[in-house]
Amino acid sequence: MKCNSFLSDYAPIGCNNNILRLEFSPYNYVWYSIKEIRLTYFAPEFALEEIASVCIIDNDGESPEIYVMILGETARAHNF
């Protein structure tokens, strides 16, 4: 039967993937609202540490060029 094979192929997706399970739920807006409030208003404070406070940049009025490259999980050398 095609129905049974279809269910057995896609059943582990909902069981093993917590994010997808929350997306399928009709109460996901409540979950993400509570999560955002908790992370925004009840996040623990941490102290910032100053690194290399004695360094001076002497560049004669030129602004330095900064390049930032953000690599995710799929952007690896073996994928190119």
PDB file of N, CA and C in Angstrom:
ATOM      1  N   MET A   1       0.836  -1.181   0.000  1.00  0.00           N
ATOM      2  CA  MET A   1       0.000   0.000   0.000  1.00  0.00           C
ATOM      3  C   MET A   1       0.883   1.246   0.000  1.00  0.00           C
ATOM      4  N   LYS A   2       0.509   2.194  -0.781  1.00  0.00           N
ATOM      5  CA  LYS A   2       1.285   3.422  -0.865  1.00  0.00           C
ATOM      6  C   LYS A   2       1.117   4.273   0.380  1.00  0.00           C
ATOM      7  N   CYS A   3      -0.005   4.202   1.007  1.00  0.00           N
ATOM      8  CA  CYS A   3      -0.260   5.041   2.180  1.00  0.00           C
ATOM      9  C   CYS A   3       0.672   4.667   3.331  1.00  0.00           C
ATOM     10  N   ASN A   4       0.876   3.389   3.557  1.00  0.00           N
ATOM     11  CA  ASN A   4       1.744   2.957   4.647  1.00  0.00           C
ATOM     12  C   ASN A   4       3.200   3.314   4.389  1.00  0.00           C
ATOM     13  N   SER A   5       3.659   3.180   3.160  1.00  0.00           N
ATOM     14  CA  SER A   5       5.050   3.516   2.880  1.00  0.00           C
ATOM     15  C   SER A   5       5.276   5.025   2.983  1.00  0.00           C
ATOM     16  N   PHE A   6       4.289   5.797   2.615  1.00  0.00           N
ATOM     17  CA  PHE A   6       4.413   7.252   2.733  1.00  0.00           C
ATOM     18  C   PHE A   6       4.543   7.658   4.198  1.00  0.00           C
ATOM     19  N   LEU A   7       3.735   7.090   5.063  1.00  0.00           N
ATOM     20  CA  LEU A   7       3.780   7.417   6.483  1.00  0.00           C
ATOM     21  C   LEU A   7       5.096   6.970   7.111  1.00  0.00           C
ATOM     22  N   SER A   8       5.573   5.807   6.758  1.00  0.00           N
ATOM     23  CA  SER A   8       6.824   5.321   7.355  1.00  0.00           C
ATOM     24  C   SER A   8       8.031   6.128   6.891  1.00  0.00           C
ATOM     25  N   ASP A   9       7.942   6.756   5.723  1.00  0.00           N
ATOM     26  CA  ASP A   9       9.050   7.590   5.252  1.00  0.00           C
ATOM     27  C   ASP A   9       9.113   8.920   5.986  1.00  0.00           C
ATOM     28  N   TYR A  10       7.979   9.500   6.299  1.00  0.00           N
ATOM     29  CA  TYR A  10       7.961  10.850   6.852  1.00  0.00           C
ATOM     30  C   TYR A  10       7.645  10.931   8.343  1.00  0.00           C
ATOM     31  N   ALA A  11       7.321   9.835   8.987  1.00  0.00           N
ATOM     32  CA  ALA A  11       7.029   9.860  10.420  1.00  0.00           C
ATOM     33  C   ALA A  11       8.236  10.257  11.267  1.00  0.00           C
ATOM     34  N   PRO A  12       9.455   9.807  10.981  1.00  0.00           N
ATOM     35  CA  PRO A  12      10.600  10.207  11.815  1.00  0.00           C
ATOM     36  C   PRO A  12      10.919  11.698  11.756  1.00  0.00           C
ATOM     37  N   ILE A  13      10.475  12.391  10.723  1.00  0.00           N
ATOM     38  CA  ILE A  13      10.762  13.829  10.626  1.00  0.00           C
ATOM     39  C   ILE A  13      10.117  14.572  11.789  1.00  0.00           C
ATOM     40  N   GLY A  14       8.878  14.265  12.091  1.00  0.00           N
ATOM     41  CA  GLY A  14       8.203  14.933  13.200  1.00  0.00           C
ATOM     42  C   GLY A  14       8.702  14.488  14.556  1.00  0.00           C
ATOM     43  N   CYS A  15       9.144  13.258  14.656  1.00  0.00           N
ATOM     44  CA  CYS A  15       9.620  12.746  15.946  1.00  0.00           C
ATOM     45  C   CYS A  15      11.015  13.241  16.286  1.00  0.00           C
ATOM     46  N   ASN A  16      11.883  13.322  15.306  1.00  0.00           N
ATOM     47  CA  ASN A  16      13.284  13.640  15.562  1.00  0.00           C
ATOM     48  C   ASN A  16      13.616  15.119  15.437  1.00  0.00           C
ATOM     49  N   ASN A  17      12.734  15.917  14.894  1.00  0.00           N
ATOM     50  CA  ASN A  17      13.040  17.315  14.647  1.00  0.00           C
ATOM     51  C   ASN A  17      12.140  18.189  15.520  1.00  0.00           C
ATOM     52  N   ASN A  18      12.697  18.724  16.617  1.00  0.00           N
ATOM     53  CA  ASN A  18      11.895  19.500  17.558  1.00  0.00           C
ATOM     54  C   ASN A  18      11.380  20.796  16.954  1.00  0.00           C
ATOM     55  N   ILE A  19      12.168  21.449  16.121  1.00  0.00           N
ATOM     56  CA  ILE A  19      11.743  22.718  15.536  1.00  0.00           C
ATOM     57  C   ILE A  19      10.571  22.500  14.588  1.00  0.00           C
ATOM     58  N   LEU A  20      10.643  21.480  13.757  1.00  0.00           N
ATOM     59  CA  LEU A  20       9.523  21.204  12.860  1.00  0.00           C
ATOM     60  C   LEU A  20       8.276  20.813  13.637  1.00  0.00           C
ATOM     61  N   ARG A  21       8.458  20.095  14.712  1.00  0.00           N
ATOM     62  CA  ARG A  21       7.311  19.696  15.517  1.00  0.00           C
ATOM     63  C   ARG A  21       6.612  20.924  16.081  1.00  0.00           C
ATOM     64  N   LEU A  22       7.377  21.941  16.488  1.00  0.00           N
ATOM     65  CA  LEU A  22       6.766  23.170  16.981  1.00  0.00           C
ATOM     66  C   LEU A  22       6.135  23.977  15.854  1.00  0.00           C
ATOM     67  N   GLU A  23       6.700  23.925  14.663  1.00  0.00           N
ATOM     68  CA  GLU A  23       6.120  24.644  13.535  1.00  0.00           C
ATOM     69  C   GLU A  23       4.775  24.041  13.130  1.00  0.00           C
ATOM     70  N   PHE A  24       4.621  22.754  13.262  1.00  0.00           N
ATOM     71  CA  PHE A  24       3.367  22.104  12.907  1.00  0.00           C
ATOM     72  C   PHE A  24       2.273  22.373  13.928  1.00  0.00           C
ATOM     73  N   SER A  25       2.656  22.726  15.129  1.00  0.00           N
ATOM     74  CA  SER A  25       1.695  22.940  16.204  1.00  0.00           C
ATOM     75  C   SER A  25       0.938  24.246  15.996  1.00  0.00           C
ATOM     76  N   PRO A  26      -0.365  24.275  16.270  1.00  0.00           N
ATOM     77  CA  PRO A  26      -1.107  25.537  16.147  1.00  0.00           C
ATOM     78  C   PRO A  26      -0.763  26.530  17.255  1.00  0.00           C
ATOM     79  N   TYR A  27      -0.040  26.101  18.268  1.00  0.00           N
ATOM     80  CA  TYR A  27       0.318  26.984  19.380  1.00  0.00           C
ATOM     81  C   TYR A  27       1.757  27.486  19.276  1.00  0.00           C
ATOM     82  N   ASN A  28       2.349  27.400  18.093  1.00  0.00           N
ATOM     83  CA  ASN A  28       3.748  27.797  17.969  1.00  0.00           C
ATOM     84  C   ASN A  28       3.950  29.281  18.210  1.00  0.00           C
ATOM     85  N   TYR A  29       2.966  30.123  17.926  1.00  0.00           N
ATOM     86  CA  TYR A  29       3.121  31.552  18.205  1.00  0.00           C
ATOM     87  C   TYR A  29       3.214  31.808  19.703  1.00  0.00           C
ATOM     88  N   VAL A  30       2.527  31.011  20.505  1.00  0.00           N
ATOM     89  CA  VAL A  30       2.618  31.156  21.963  1.00  0.00           C
ATOM     90  C   VAL A  30       4.010  30.732  22.432  1.00  0.00           C
ATOM     91  N   TRP A  31       4.499  29.621  21.921  1.00  0.00           N
ATOM     92  CA  TRP A  31       5.820  29.121  22.304  1.00  0.00           C
ATOM     93  C   TRP A  31       6.900  30.135  21.968  1.00  0.00           C
ATOM     94  N   TYR A  32       6.885  30.667  20.755  1.00  0.00           N
ATOM     95  CA  TYR A  32       7.928  31.604  20.349  1.00  0.00           C
ATOM     96  C   TYR A  32       7.783  32.954  21.038  1.00  0.00           C
ATOM     97  N   SER A  33       6.574  33.354  21.400  1.00  0.00           N
ATOM     98  CA  SER A  33       6.399  34.592  22.169  1.00  0.00           C
ATOM     99  C   SER A  33       7.003  34.449  23.561  1.00  0.00           C
ATOM    100  N   ILE A  34       6.745  33.339  24.213  1.00  0.00           N
ATOM    101  CA  ILE A  34       7.318  33.093  25.540  1.00  0.00           C
ATOM    102  C   ILE A  34       8.839  33.012  25.452  1.00  0.00           C
ATOM    103  N   LYS A  35       9.343  32.356  24.427  1.00  0.00           N
ATOM    104  CA  LYS A  35      10.786  32.240  24.254  1.00  0.00           C
ATOM    105  C   LYS A  35      11.422  33.608  24.036  1.00  0.00           C
ATOM    106  N   GLU A  36      10.821  34.469  23.227  1.00  0.00           N
ATOM    107  CA  GLU A  36      11.372  35.796  22.965  1.00  0.00           C
ATOM    108  C   GLU A  36      11.340  36.669  24.214  1.00  0.00           C
ATOM    109  N   ILE A  37      10.261  36.610  24.980  1.00  0.00           N
ATOM    110  CA  ILE A  37      10.175  37.381  26.228  1.00  0.00           C
ATOM    111  C   ILE A  37      11.235  36.911  27.213  1.00  0.00           C
ATOM    112  N   ARG A  38      11.410  35.608  27.306  1.00  0.00           N
ATOM    113  CA  ARG A  38      12.407  35.074  28.235  1.00  0.00           C
ATOM    114  C   ARG A  38      13.821  35.486  27.836  1.00  0.00           C
ATOM    115  N   LEU A  39      14.131  35.430  26.541  1.00  0.00           N
ATOM    116  CA  LEU A  39      15.472  35.799  26.093  1.00  0.00           C
ATOM    117  C   LEU A  39      15.717  37.301  26.151  1.00  0.00           C
ATOM    118  N   THR A  40      14.674  38.106  25.986  1.00  0.00           N
ATOM    119  CA  THR A  40      14.842  39.558  25.969  1.00  0.00           C
ATOM    120  C   THR A  40      14.889  40.144  27.370  1.00  0.00           C
ATOM    121  N   TYR A  41      13.945  39.772  28.215  1.00  0.00           N
ATOM    122  CA  TYR A  41      13.800  40.426  29.511  1.00  0.00           C
ATOM    123  C   TYR A  41      14.432  39.669  30.675  1.00  0.00           C
ATOM    124  N   PHE A  42      14.664  38.391  30.531  1.00  0.00           N
ATOM    125  CA  PHE A  42      15.183  37.603  31.643  1.00  0.00           C
ATOM    126  C   PHE A  42      16.532  36.967  31.338  1.00  0.00           C
ATOM    127  N   ALA A  43      17.248  37.506  30.378  1.00  0.00           N
ATOM    128  CA  ALA A  43      18.564  36.970  30.030  1.00  0.00           C
ATOM    129  C   ALA A  43      19.570  37.334  31.117  1.00  0.00           C
ATOM    130  N   PRO A  44      20.455  36.424  31.463  1.00  0.00           N
ATOM    131  CA  PRO A  44      21.459  36.745  32.491  1.00  0.00           C
ATOM    132  C   PRO A  44      22.462  37.770  31.962  1.00  0.00           C
ATOM    133  N   GLU A  45      22.867  38.674  32.834  1.00  0.00           N
ATOM    134  CA  GLU A  45      23.848  39.681  32.444  1.00  0.00           C
ATOM    135  C   GLU A  45      25.249  39.080  32.557  1.00  0.00           C
ATOM    136  N   PHE A  46      26.112  39.502  31.669  1.00  0.00           N
ATOM    137  CA  PHE A  46      27.484  39.031  31.714  1.00  0.00           C
ATOM    138  C   PHE A  46      28.410  40.226  31.544  1.00  0.00           C
ATOM    139  N   ALA A  47      29.589  40.101  32.106  1.00  0.00           N
ATOM    140  CA  ALA A  47      30.556  41.200  32.067  1.00  0.00           C
ATOM    141  C   ALA A  47      31.355  41.138  30.771  1.00  0.00           C
ATOM    142  N   LEU A  48      31.569  42.303  30.177  1.00  0.00           N
ATOM    143  CA  LEU A  48      32.388  42.380  28.978  1.00  0.00           C
ATOM    144  C   LEU A  48      33.843  42.565  29.374  1.00  0.00           C
ATOM    145  N   GLU A  49      34.718  41.934  28.657  1.00  0.00           N
ATOM    146  CA  GLU A  49      36.140  42.000  28.951  1.00  0.00           C
ATOM    147  C   GLU A  49      36.830  42.836  27.879  1.00  0.00           C
ATOM    148  N   GLU A  50      37.635  43.790  28.306  1.00  0.00           N
ATOM    149  CA  GLU A  50      38.344  44.641  27.365  1.00  0.00           C
ATOM    150  C   GLU A  50      39.607  43.928  26.890  1.00  0.00           C
ATOM    151  N   ILE A  51      39.770  43.875  25.583  1.00  0.00           N
ATOM    152  CA  ILE A  51      40.905  43.182  24.990  1.00  0.00           C
ATOM    153  C   ILE A  51      41.768  44.204  24.258  1.00  0.00           C
ATOM    154  N   ALA A  52      43.060  44.182  24.502  1.00  0.00           N
ATOM    155  CA  ALA A  52      44.044  45.042  23.822  1.00  0.00           C
ATOM    156  C   ALA A  52      43.684  46.514  23.974  1.00  0.00           C
ATOM    157  N   SER A  53      43.595  46.971  25.203  1.00  0.00           N
ATOM    158  CA  SER A  53      43.206  48.365  25.451  1.00  0.00           C
ATOM    159  C   SER A  53      44.327  49.358  25.171  1.00  0.00           C
ATOM    160  N   VAL A  54      45.547  48.905  25.012  1.00  0.00           N
ATOM    161  CA  VAL A  54      46.672  49.816  24.787  1.00  0.00           C
ATOM    162  C   VAL A  54      47.022  49.960  23.303  1.00  0.00           C
ATOM    163  N   CYS A  55      46.294  49.332  22.422  1.00  0.00           N
ATOM    164  CA  CYS A  55      46.587  49.402  20.988  1.00  0.00           C
ATOM    165  C   CYS A  55      46.070  50.712  20.403  1.00  0.00           C
ATOM    166  N   ILE A  56      46.851  51.289  19.492  1.00  0.00           N
ATOM    167  CA  ILE A  56      46.483  52.528  18.817  1.00  0.00           C
ATOM    168  C   ILE A  56      46.578  52.282  17.314  1.00  0.00           C
ATOM    169  N   ILE A  57      45.555  52.714  16.585  1.00  0.00           N
ATOM    170  CA  ILE A  57      45.560  52.589  15.134  1.00  0.00           C
ATOM    171  C   ILE A  57      46.023  53.913  14.551  1.00  0.00           C
ATOM    172  N   ASP A  58      47.113  53.886  13.809  1.00  0.00           N
ATOM    173  CA  ASP A  58      47.649  55.085  13.169  1.00  0.00           C
ATOM    174  C   ASP A  58      47.566  54.870  11.660  1.00  0.00           C
ATOM    175  N   ASN A  59      46.523  55.421  11.029  1.00  0.00           N
ATOM    176  CA  ASN A  59      46.324  55.149   9.611  1.00  0.00           C
ATOM    177  C   ASN A  59      46.234  56.418   8.765  1.00  0.00           C
ATOM    178  N   ASP A  60      46.671  57.543   9.256  1.00  0.00           N
ATOM    179  CA  ASP A  60      46.742  58.800   8.509  1.00  0.00           C
ATOM    180  C   ASP A  60      45.404  59.203   7.877  1.00  0.00           C
ATOM    181  N   GLY A  61      44.339  59.088   8.578  1.00  0.00           N
ATOM    182  CA  GLY A  61      43.042  59.556   8.101  1.00  0.00           C
ATOM    183  C   GLY A  61      42.294  58.597   7.195  1.00  0.00           C
ATOM    184  N   GLU A  62      42.902  57.512   6.791  1.00  0.00           N
ATOM    185  CA  GLU A  62      42.204  56.542   5.961  1.00  0.00           C
ATOM    186  C   GLU A  62      41.402  55.607   6.852  1.00  0.00           C
ATOM    187  N   SER A  63      40.226  55.291   6.409  1.00  0.00           N
ATOM    188  CA  SER A  63      39.458  54.319   7.173  1.00  0.00           C
ATOM    189  C   SER A  63      39.842  52.918   6.699  1.00  0.00           C
ATOM    190  N   PRO A  64      40.021  52.004   7.603  1.00  0.00           N
ATOM    191  CA  PRO A  64      40.440  50.652   7.218  1.00  0.00           C
ATOM    192  C   PRO A  64      39.300  49.898   6.539  1.00  0.00           C
ATOM    193  N   GLU A  65      39.660  49.000   5.660  1.00  0.00           N
ATOM    194  CA  GLU A  65      38.670  48.147   5.018  1.00  0.00           C
ATOM    195  C   GLU A  65      38.536  46.867   5.834  1.00  0.00           C
ATOM    196  N   ILE A  66      37.329  46.551   6.152  1.00  0.00           N
ATOM    197  CA  ILE A  66      37.060  45.352   6.939  1.00  0.00           C
ATOM    198  C   ILE A  66      36.170  44.439   6.109  1.00  0.00           C
ATOM    199  N   TYR A  67      36.584  43.208   5.978  1.00  0.00           N
ATOM    200  CA  TYR A  67      35.803  42.215   5.265  1.00  0.00           C
ATOM    201  C   TYR A  67      35.344  41.161   6.269  1.00  0.00           C
ATOM    202  N   VAL A  68      34.057  40.917   6.288  1.00  0.00           N
ATOM    203  CA  VAL A  68      33.494  39.915   7.186  1.00  0.00           C
ATOM    204  C   VAL A  68      32.871  38.828   6.328  1.00  0.00           C
ATOM    205  N   MET A  69      33.289  37.605   6.552  1.00  0.00           N
ATOM    206  CA  MET A  69      32.730  36.485   5.821  1.00  0.00           C
ATOM    207  C   MET A  69      32.039  35.567   6.826  1.00  0.00           C
ATOM    208  N   ILE A  70      30.769  35.349   6.624  1.00  0.00           N
ATOM    209  CA  ILE A  70      29.994  34.496   7.518  1.00  0.00           C
ATOM    210  C   ILE A  70      29.743  33.178   6.799  1.00  0.00           C
ATOM    211  N   LEU A  71      30.207  32.113   7.397  1.00  0.00           N
ATOM    212  CA  LEU A  71      30.050  30.796   6.808  1.00  0.00           C
ATOM    213  C   LEU A  71      29.085  29.978   7.640  1.00  0.00           C
ATOM    214  N   GLY A  72      28.165  29.349   6.978  1.00  0.00           N
ATOM    215  CA  GLY A  72      27.229  28.480   7.665  1.00  0.00           C
ATOM    216  C   GLY A  72      27.672  27.035   7.557  1.00  0.00           C
ATOM    217  N   GLU A  73      26.787  26.144   7.896  1.00  0.00           N
ATOM    218  CA  GLU A  73      27.105  24.725   7.856  1.00  0.00           C
ATOM    219  C   GLU A  73      27.323  24.230   6.432  1.00  0.00           C
ATOM    220  N   THR A  74      26.611  24.800   5.457  1.00  0.00           N
ATOM    221  CA  THR A  74      26.712  24.286   4.096  1.00  0.00           C
ATOM    222  C   THR A  74      27.859  24.903   3.322  1.00  0.00           C
ATOM    223  N   ALA A  75      28.436  25.994   3.808  1.00  0.00           N
ATOM    224  CA  ALA A  75      29.522  26.665   3.091  1.00  0.00           C
ATOM    225  C   ALA A  75      30.863  26.134   3.572  1.00  0.00           C
ATOM    226  N   ARG A  76      31.200  24.967   3.152  1.00  0.00           N
ATOM    227  CA  ARG A  76      32.478  24.360   3.501  1.00  0.00           C
ATOM    228  C   ARG A  76      33.232  24.036   2.224  1.00  0.00           C
ATOM    229  N   ALA A  77      34.498  23.789   2.358  1.00  0.00           N
ATOM    230  CA  ALA A  77      35.350  23.582   1.190  1.00  0.00           C
ATOM    231  C   ALA A  77      34.914  22.366   0.372  1.00  0.00           C
ATOM    232  N   HIS A  78      34.441  21.326   1.015  1.00  0.00           N
ATOM    233  CA  HIS A  78      34.080  20.131   0.254  1.00  0.00           C
ATOM    234  C   HIS A  78      32.790  20.312  -0.545  1.00  0.00           C
ATOM    235  N   ASN A  79      32.048  21.405  -0.323  1.00  0.00           N
ATOM    236  CA  ASN A  79      30.831  21.667  -1.087  1.00  0.00           C
ATOM    237  C   ASN A  79      31.089  22.532  -2.317  1.00  0.00           C
ATOM    238  N   PHE A  80      32.294  23.029  -2.480  1.00  0.00           N
ATOM    239  CA  PHE A  80      32.591  23.902  -3.620  1.00  0.00           C
ATOM    240  C   PHE A  80      33.428  23.187  -4.651  1.00  0.00           C
TER     241      PHE A  80
END
